[in-house]
Amino acid sequence: IFNALKAANLTTESSAVNSFATPRRLAVQIS
C-alpha cells in the first residue's frame, strides 16, 4: 500500500508507516 501511494506522489517526506497484523486482520496506517 505504501509503495503504491509513494509512487503516485501521495506521500510526503514525513509520512510514516505503521503495520498491523493480528489473527483476523491486516492493516496499515500511513501519516
Full PDB file with SEQRES, HELIX, SHEET, SSBOND, CRYST1, ORIGX, SCALE, CONECT and MASTER records, all heavy atoms in Angstrom:
SEQRES   1 A   31  ILE PHE ASN ALA LEU LYS ALA ALA ASN LEU THR THR GLU          
SEQRES   2 A   31  SER SER ALA VAL ASN SER PHE ALA THR PRO ARG ARG LEU          
SEQRES   3 A   31  ALA VAL GLN ILE SER                                          
HELIX    1 AA1 PHE A    2  ALA A    7  1                                   6    
SHEET    1 AA1 2 VAL A  17  THR A  22  0                                        
SHEET    2 AA1 2 ARG A  25  ILE A  30 -1                                        
CRYST1    1.000    1.000    1.000  90.00  90.00  90.00 P 1           1          
ORIGX1      1.000000  0.000000  0.000000        0.00000                         
ORIGX2      0.000000  1.000000  0.000000        0.00000                         
ORIGX3      0.000000  0.000000  1.000000        0.00000                         
SCALE1      1.000000  0.000000  0.000000        0.00000                         
SCALE2      0.000000  1.000000  0.000000        0.00000                         
SCALE3      0.000000  0.000000  1.000000        0.00000                         
ATOM      1  N   ILE A   1       0.842  -1.208   0.000  1.00  0.00           N  
ATOM      2  CA  ILE A   1       0.000   0.000   0.000  1.00  0.00           C  
ATOM      3  C   ILE A   1       0.872   1.252   0.000  1.00  0.00           C  
ATOM      4  O   ILE A   1       0.656   2.187  -0.800  1.00  0.00           O  
ATOM      5  CB  ILE A   1      -0.936   0.005   1.231  1.00  0.00           C  
ATOM      6  CG1 ILE A   1      -1.879  -1.206   1.215  1.00  0.00           C  
ATOM      7  CG2 ILE A   1      -1.719   1.312   1.285  1.00  0.00           C  
ATOM      8  CD1 ILE A   1      -2.890  -1.221   0.108  1.00  0.00           C  
ATOM      9  N   PHE A   2       1.865   1.286   0.885  1.00  0.00           N  
ATOM     10  CA  PHE A   2       2.708   2.480   0.988  1.00  0.00           C  
ATOM     11  C   PHE A   2       3.473   2.735  -0.315  1.00  0.00           C  
ATOM     12  O   PHE A   2       3.531   3.878  -0.794  1.00  0.00           O  
ATOM     13  CB  PHE A   2       3.698   2.338   2.143  1.00  0.00           C  
ATOM     14  CG  PHE A   2       4.669   3.495   2.244  1.00  0.00           C  
ATOM     15  CD1 PHE A   2       4.254   4.719   2.736  1.00  0.00           C  
ATOM     16  CD2 PHE A   2       5.982   3.358   1.811  1.00  0.00           C  
ATOM     17  CE1 PHE A   2       5.129   5.795   2.815  1.00  0.00           C  
ATOM     18  CE2 PHE A   2       6.869   4.423   1.888  1.00  0.00           C  
ATOM     19  CZ  PHE A   2       6.448   5.646   2.386  1.00  0.00           C  
ATOM     20  N   ASN A   3       4.062   1.711  -0.892  1.00  0.00           N  
ATOM     21  CA  ASN A   3       4.845   1.896  -2.120  1.00  0.00           C  
ATOM     22  C   ASN A   3       3.992   2.410  -3.265  1.00  0.00           C  
ATOM     23  O   ASN A   3       4.444   3.232  -4.076  1.00  0.00           O  
ATOM     24  CB  ASN A   3       5.525   0.582  -2.520  1.00  0.00           C  
ATOM     25  CG  ASN A   3       6.652   0.209  -1.573  1.00  0.00           C  
ATOM     26  OD1 ASN A   3       7.184   1.060  -0.865  1.00  0.00           O  
ATOM     27  ND2 ASN A   3       7.012  -1.063  -1.540  1.00  0.00           N  
ATOM     28  N   ALA A   4       2.744   1.947  -3.342  1.00  0.00           N  
ATOM     29  CA  ALA A   4       1.848   2.422  -4.404  1.00  0.00           C  
ATOM     30  C   ALA A   4       1.512   3.898  -4.215  1.00  0.00           C  
ATOM     31  O   ALA A   4       1.494   4.673  -5.185  1.00  0.00           O  
ATOM     32  CB  ALA A   4       0.576   1.582  -4.416  1.00  0.00           C  
ATOM     33  N   LEU A   5       1.261   4.305  -2.986  1.00  0.00           N  
ATOM     34  CA  LEU A   5       0.956   5.717  -2.713  1.00  0.00           C  
ATOM     35  C   LEU A   5       2.182   6.594  -2.944  1.00  0.00           C  
ATOM     36  O   LEU A   5       2.074   7.710  -3.465  1.00  0.00           O  
ATOM     37  CB  LEU A   5       0.458   5.876  -1.279  1.00  0.00           C  
ATOM     38  CG  LEU A   5      -0.846   5.153  -0.911  1.00  0.00           C  
ATOM     39  CD1 LEU A   5      -1.198   5.416   0.541  1.00  0.00           C  
ATOM     40  CD2 LEU A   5      -1.985   5.591  -1.818  1.00  0.00           C  
ATOM     41  N   LYS A   6       3.332   6.090  -2.553  1.00  0.00           N  
ATOM     42  CA  LYS A   6       4.562   6.855  -2.744  1.00  0.00           C  
ATOM     43  C   LYS A   6       4.853   7.041  -4.229  1.00  0.00           C  
ATOM     44  O   LYS A   6       5.244   8.137  -4.663  1.00  0.00           O  
ATOM     45  CB  LYS A   6       5.729   6.130  -2.066  1.00  0.00           C  
ATOM     46  CG  LYS A   6       7.048   6.892  -2.138  1.00  0.00           C  
ATOM     47  CD  LYS A   6       8.157   6.140  -1.417  1.00  0.00           C  
ATOM     48  CE  LYS A   6       9.476   6.917  -1.496  1.00  0.00           C  
ATOM     49  NZ  LYS A   6      10.578   6.182  -0.802  1.00  0.00           N  
ATOM     50  N   ALA A   7       4.645   5.992  -5.016  1.00  0.00           N  
ATOM     51  CA  ALA A   7       4.881   6.084  -6.461  1.00  0.00           C  
ATOM     52  C   ALA A   7       3.955   7.093  -7.114  1.00  0.00           C  
ATOM     53  O   ALA A   7       4.300   7.701  -8.136  1.00  0.00           O  
ATOM     54  CB  ALA A   7       4.712   4.708  -7.101  1.00  0.00           C  
ATOM     55  N   ALA A   8       2.786   7.289  -6.512  1.00  0.00           N  
ATOM     56  CA  ALA A   8       1.816   8.250  -7.054  1.00  0.00           C  
ATOM     57  C   ALA A   8       1.992   9.639  -6.445  1.00  0.00           C  
ATOM     58  O   ALA A   8       1.154  10.526  -6.677  1.00  0.00           O  
ATOM     59  CB  ALA A   8       0.400   7.745  -6.798  1.00  0.00           C  
ATOM     60  N   ASN A   9       3.068   9.830  -5.655  1.00  0.00           N  
ATOM     61  CA  ASN A   9       3.366  11.133  -5.033  1.00  0.00           C  
ATOM     62  C   ASN A   9       2.278  11.586  -4.058  1.00  0.00           C  
ATOM     63  O   ASN A   9       2.040  12.788  -3.903  1.00  0.00           O  
ATOM     64  CB  ASN A   9       3.588  12.210  -6.102  1.00  0.00           C  
ATOM     65  CG  ASN A   9       4.815  11.932  -6.950  1.00  0.00           C  
ATOM     66  OD1 ASN A   9       5.855  11.547  -6.428  1.00  0.00           O  
ATOM     67  ND2 ASN A   9       4.676  12.098  -8.253  1.00  0.00           N  
ATOM     68  N   LEU A  10       1.642  10.604  -3.420  1.00  0.00           N  
ATOM     69  CA  LEU A  10       0.603  10.943  -2.450  1.00  0.00           C  
ATOM     70  C   LEU A  10       1.129  10.948  -1.015  1.00  0.00           C  
ATOM     71  O   LEU A  10       0.392  11.290  -0.087  1.00  0.00           O  
ATOM     72  CB  LEU A  10      -0.566   9.951  -2.572  1.00  0.00           C  
ATOM     73  CG  LEU A  10      -1.438  10.149  -3.816  1.00  0.00           C  
ATOM     74  CD1 LEU A  10      -2.321   8.934  -4.050  1.00  0.00           C  
ATOM     75  CD2 LEU A  10      -2.285  11.412  -3.682  1.00  0.00           C  
ATOM     76  N   THR A  11       2.385  10.559  -0.823  1.00  0.00           N  
ATOM     77  CA  THR A  11       3.003  10.632   0.500  1.00  0.00           C  
ATOM     78  C   THR A  11       3.964  11.804   0.537  1.00  0.00           C  
ATOM     79  O   THR A  11       4.312  12.381  -0.497  1.00  0.00           O  
ATOM     80  CB  THR A  11       3.761   9.333   0.821  1.00  0.00           C  
ATOM     81  OG1 THR A  11       4.791   9.133  -0.157  1.00  0.00           O  
ATOM     82  CG2 THR A  11       2.829   8.138   0.824  1.00  0.00           C  
ATOM     83  N   THR A  12       4.396  12.149   1.730  1.00  0.00           N  
ATOM     84  CA  THR A  12       5.355  13.240   1.896  1.00  0.00           C  
ATOM     85  C   THR A  12       6.605  12.689   2.581  1.00  0.00           C  
ATOM     86  O   THR A  12       6.655  11.526   2.979  1.00  0.00           O  
ATOM     87  CB  THR A  12       4.754  14.359   2.765  1.00  0.00           C  
ATOM     88  OG1 THR A  12       4.540  13.857   4.086  1.00  0.00           O  
ATOM     89  CG2 THR A  12       3.428  14.838   2.177  1.00  0.00           C  
ATOM     90  N   GLU A  13       7.615  13.539   2.720  1.00  0.00           N  
ATOM     91  CA  GLU A  13       8.849  13.105   3.381  1.00  0.00           C  
ATOM     92  C   GLU A  13       8.606  12.718   4.832  1.00  0.00           C  
ATOM     93  O   GLU A  13       9.332  11.912   5.402  1.00  0.00           O  
ATOM     94  CB  GLU A  13       9.902  14.218   3.308  1.00  0.00           C  
ATOM     95  CG  GLU A  13      10.445  14.459   1.909  1.00  0.00           C  
ATOM     96  CD  GLU A  13      11.559  15.493   1.891  1.00  0.00           C  
ATOM     97  OE1 GLU A  13      11.921  15.977   2.990  1.00  0.00           O  
ATOM     98  OE2 GLU A  13      12.048  15.811   0.801  1.00  0.00           O  
ATOM     99  N   SER A  14       7.591  13.280   5.437  1.00  0.00           N  
ATOM    100  CA  SER A  14       7.303  12.995   6.850  1.00  0.00           C  
ATOM    101  C   SER A  14       6.326  11.834   7.034  1.00  0.00           C  
ATOM    102  O   SER A  14       5.979  11.481   8.163  1.00  0.00           O  
ATOM    103  CB  SER A  14       6.731  14.240   7.532  1.00  0.00           C  
ATOM    104  OG  SER A  14       5.535  14.645   6.893  1.00  0.00           O  
ATOM    105  N   SER A  15       5.885  11.223   5.947  1.00  0.00           N  
ATOM    106  CA  SER A  15       4.938  10.106   6.048  1.00  0.00           C  
ATOM    107  C   SER A  15       5.593   8.915   6.737  1.00  0.00           C  
ATOM    108  O   SER A  15       6.694   8.501   6.379  1.00  0.00           O  
ATOM    109  CB  SER A  15       4.449   9.687   4.661  1.00  0.00           C  
ATOM    110  OG  SER A  15       3.677  10.705   4.067  1.00  0.00           O  
ATOM    111  N   ALA A  16       4.913   8.376   7.743  1.00  0.00           N  
ATOM    112  CA  ALA A  16       5.410   7.208   8.483  1.00  0.00           C  
ATOM    113  C   ALA A  16       4.417   6.064   8.347  1.00  0.00           C  
ATOM    114  O   ALA A  16       3.205   6.280   8.235  1.00  0.00           O  
ATOM    115  CB  ALA A  16       5.613   7.560   9.953  1.00  0.00           C  
ATOM    116  N   VAL A  17       4.942   4.838   8.358  1.00  0.00           N  
ATOM    117  CA  VAL A  17       4.108   3.649   8.156  1.00  0.00           C  
ATOM    118  C   VAL A  17       4.023   2.846   9.442  1.00  0.00           C  
ATOM    119  O   VAL A  17       5.043   2.547  10.064  1.00  0.00           O  
ATOM    120  CB  VAL A  17       4.686   2.760   7.033  1.00  0.00           C  
ATOM    121  CG1 VAL A  17       3.779   1.555   6.795  1.00  0.00           C  
ATOM    122  CG2 VAL A  17       4.868   3.553   5.761  1.00  0.00           C  
ATOM    123  N   ASN A  18       2.805   2.507   9.841  1.00  0.00           N  
ATOM    124  CA  ASN A  18       2.579   1.578  10.950  1.00  0.00           C  
ATOM    125  C   ASN A  18       1.881   0.349  10.403  1.00  0.00           C  
ATOM    126  O   ASN A  18       0.793   0.446   9.818  1.00  0.00           O  
ATOM    127  CB  ASN A  18       1.713   2.214  12.044  1.00  0.00           C  
ATOM    128  CG  ASN A  18       2.509   3.162  12.919  1.00  0.00           C  
ATOM    129  OD1 ASN A  18       3.680   2.914  13.206  1.00  0.00           O  
ATOM    130  ND2 ASN A  18       1.880   4.252  13.340  1.00  0.00           N  
ATOM    131  N   SER A  19       2.532  -0.807  10.571  1.00  0.00           N  
ATOM    132  CA  SER A  19       1.966  -2.052  10.071  1.00  0.00           C  
ATOM    133  C   SER A  19       1.265  -2.786  11.207  1.00  0.00           C  
ATOM    134  O   SER A  19       1.778  -2.860  12.325  1.00  0.00           O  
ATOM    135  CB  SER A  19       3.083  -2.929   9.487  1.00  0.00           C  
ATOM    136  OG  SER A  19       2.566  -4.165   9.063  1.00  0.00           O  
ATOM    137  N   PHE A  20       0.089  -3.349  10.906  1.00  0.00           N  
ATOM    138  CA  PHE A  20      -0.675  -4.091  11.902  1.00  0.00           C  
ATOM    139  C   PHE A  20      -1.046  -5.460  11.336  1.00  0.00           C  
ATOM    140  O   PHE A  20      -1.420  -5.575  10.161  1.00  0.00           O  
ATOM    141  CB  PHE A  20      -1.950  -3.335  12.289  1.00  0.00           C  
ATOM    142  CG  PHE A  20      -1.703  -1.940  12.797  1.00  0.00           C  
ATOM    143  CD1 PHE A  20      -1.991  -0.835  12.016  1.00  0.00           C  
ATOM    144  CD2 PHE A  20      -1.171  -1.739  14.062  1.00  0.00           C  
ATOM    145  CE1 PHE A  20      -1.763   0.450  12.471  1.00  0.00           C  
ATOM    146  CE2 PHE A  20      -0.937  -0.449  14.538  1.00  0.00           C  
ATOM    147  CZ  PHE A  20      -1.231   0.646  13.742  1.00  0.00           C  
ATOM    148  N   ALA A  21      -0.958  -6.476  12.187  1.00  0.00           N  
ATOM    149  CA  ALA A  21      -1.345  -7.825  11.769  1.00  0.00           C  
ATOM    150  C   ALA A  21      -1.752  -8.622  12.996  1.00  0.00           C  
ATOM    151  O   ALA A  21      -0.974  -8.787  13.933  1.00  0.00           O  
ATOM    152  CB  ALA A  21      -0.190  -8.513  11.048  1.00  0.00           C  
ATOM    153  N   THR A  22      -3.002  -9.074  13.014  1.00  0.00           N  
ATOM    154  CA  THR A  22      -3.488  -9.953  14.080  1.00  0.00           C  
ATOM    155  C   THR A  22      -4.075 -11.190  13.393  1.00  0.00           C  
ATOM    156  O   THR A  22      -4.173 -11.231  12.161  1.00  0.00           O  
ATOM    157  CB  THR A  22      -4.571  -9.258  14.934  1.00  0.00           C  
ATOM    158  OG1 THR A  22      -5.825  -9.295  14.239  1.00  0.00           O  
ATOM    159  CG2 THR A  22      -4.190  -7.817  15.248  1.00  0.00           C  
ATOM    160  N   PRO A  23      -4.481 -12.187  14.157  1.00  0.00           N  
ATOM    161  CA  PRO A  23      -5.050 -13.377  13.515  1.00  0.00           C  
ATOM    162  C   PRO A  23      -6.201 -13.086  12.565  1.00  0.00           C  
ATOM    163  O   PRO A  23      -6.434 -13.845  11.620  1.00  0.00           O  
ATOM    164  CB  PRO A  23      -5.528 -14.213  14.718  1.00  0.00           C  
ATOM    165  CG  PRO A  23      -4.614 -13.820  15.827  1.00  0.00           C  
ATOM    166  CD  PRO A  23      -4.328 -12.369  15.615  1.00  0.00           C  
ATOM    167  N   ARG A  24      -6.929 -11.961  12.817  1.00  0.00           N  
ATOM    168  CA  ARG A  24      -8.116 -11.695  11.993  1.00  0.00           C  
ATOM    169  C   ARG A  24      -8.056 -10.377  11.229  1.00  0.00           C  
ATOM    170  O   ARG A  24      -9.092  -9.913  10.740  1.00  0.00           O  
ATOM    171  CB  ARG A  24      -9.370 -11.708  12.881  1.00  0.00           C  
ATOM    172  CG  ARG A  24      -9.643 -13.046  13.539  1.00  0.00           C  
ATOM    173  CD  ARG A  24     -11.073 -13.155  14.006  1.00  0.00           C  
ATOM    174  NE  ARG A  24     -11.391 -12.196  15.068  1.00  0.00           N  
ATOM    175  CZ  ARG A  24     -12.625 -11.827  15.398  1.00  0.00           C  
ATOM    176  NH1 ARG A  24     -13.657 -12.298  14.731  1.00  0.00           N  
ATOM    177  NH2 ARG A  24     -12.817 -10.972  16.392  1.00  0.00           N  
ATOM    178  N   ARG A  25      -6.855  -9.804  11.085  1.00  0.00           N  
ATOM    179  CA  ARG A  25      -6.831  -8.545  10.335  1.00  0.00           C  
ATOM    180  C   ARG A  25      -5.427  -8.230   9.836  1.00  0.00           C  
ATOM    181  O   ARG A  25      -4.417  -8.563  10.474  1.00  0.00           O  
ATOM    182  CB  ARG A  25      -7.372  -7.390  11.183  1.00  0.00           C  
ATOM    183  CG  ARG A  25      -6.457  -6.908  12.286  1.00  0.00           C  
ATOM    184  CD  ARG A  25      -7.226  -6.126  13.328  1.00  0.00           C  
ATOM    185  NE  ARG A  25      -8.029  -7.025  14.143  1.00  0.00           N  
ATOM    186  CZ  ARG A  25      -9.324  -6.842  14.422  1.00  0.00           C  
ATOM    187  NH1 ARG A  25      -9.959  -5.787  13.974  1.00  0.00           N  
ATOM    188  NH2 ARG A  25      -9.976  -7.708  15.175  1.00  0.00           N  
ATOM    189  N   LEU A  26      -5.394  -7.576   8.670  1.00  0.00           N  
ATOM    190  CA  LEU A  26      -4.195  -6.952   8.125  1.00  0.00           C  
ATOM    191  C   LEU A  26      -4.526  -5.478   7.961  1.00  0.00           C  
ATOM    192  O   LEU A  26      -5.570  -5.131   7.404  1.00  0.00           O  
ATOM    193  CB  LEU A  26      -3.822  -7.548   6.762  1.00  0.00           C  
ATOM    194  CG  LEU A  26      -3.506  -9.044   6.703  1.00  0.00           C  
ATOM    195  CD1 LEU A  26      -3.310  -9.482   5.253  1.00  0.00           C  
ATOM    196  CD2 LEU A  26      -2.270  -9.364   7.524  1.00  0.00           C  
ATOM    197  N   ALA A  27      -3.654  -4.618   8.444  1.00  0.00           N  
ATOM    198  CA  ALA A  27      -3.951  -3.189   8.365  1.00  0.00           C  
ATOM    199  C   ALA A  27      -2.674  -2.385   8.239  1.00  0.00           C  
ATOM    200  O   ALA A  27      -1.591  -2.841   8.617  1.00  0.00           O  
ATOM    201  CB  ALA A  27      -4.744  -2.730   9.593  1.00  0.00           C  
ATOM    202  N   VAL A  28      -2.823  -1.170   7.700  1.00  0.00           N  
ATOM    203  CA  VAL A  28      -1.701  -0.245   7.603  1.00  0.00           C  
ATOM    204  C   VAL A  28      -2.211   1.163   7.873  1.00  0.00           C  
ATOM    205  O   VAL A  28      -3.312   1.546   7.449  1.00  0.00           O  
ATOM    206  CB  VAL A  28      -1.021  -0.324   6.215  1.00  0.00           C  
ATOM    207  CG1 VAL A  28      -1.994   0.036   5.098  1.00  0.00           C  
ATOM    208  CG2 VAL A  28       0.208   0.579   6.169  1.00  0.00           C  
ATOM    209  N   GLN A  29      -1.420   1.916   8.630  1.00  0.00           N  
ATOM    210  CA  GLN A  29      -1.730   3.317   8.907  1.00  0.00           C  
ATOM    211  C   GLN A  29      -0.550   4.149   8.423  1.00  0.00           C  
ATOM    212  O   GLN A  29       0.589   3.892   8.808  1.00  0.00           O  
ATOM    213  CB  GLN A  29      -1.943   3.520  10.401  1.00  0.00           C  
ATOM    214  CG  GLN A  29      -2.357   4.934  10.792  1.00  0.00           C  
ATOM    215  CD  GLN A  29      -2.387   5.081  12.303  1.00  0.00           C  
ATOM    216  OE1 GLN A  29      -1.345   5.088  12.949  1.00  0.00           O  
ATOM    217  NE2 GLN A  29      -3.591   5.166  12.866  1.00  0.00           N  
ATOM    218  N   ILE A  30      -0.818   5.108   7.549  1.00  0.00           N  
ATOM    219  CA  ILE A  30       0.232   5.951   6.970  1.00  0.00           C  
ATOM    220  C   ILE A  30      -0.093   7.401   7.285  1.00  0.00           C  
ATOM    221  O   ILE A  30      -1.201   7.873   7.003  1.00  0.00           O  
ATOM    222  CB  ILE A  30       0.332   5.752   5.443  1.00  0.00           C  
ATOM    223  CG1 ILE A  30       0.478   4.260   5.111  1.00  0.00           C  
ATOM    224  CG2 ILE A  30       1.506   6.542   4.869  1.00  0.00           C  
ATOM    225  CD1 ILE A  30       0.361   3.953   3.627  1.00  0.00           C  
ATOM    226  N   SER A  31       0.864   8.104   7.861  1.00  0.00           N  
ATOM    227  CA  SER A  31       0.623   9.501   8.231  1.00  0.00           C  
ATOM    228  C   SER A  31       0.889  10.431   7.050  1.00  0.00           C  
ATOM    229  O   SER A  31       1.647  10.098   6.137  1.00  0.00           O  
ATOM    230  CB  SER A  31       1.511   9.891   9.408  1.00  0.00           C  
ATOM    231  OG  SER A  31       2.887   9.803   9.047  1.00  0.00           O  
TER     232      SER A  31                                                      
MASTER        0    0    0    1    2    0    0    6  231    1    0    3          
END                                                                             
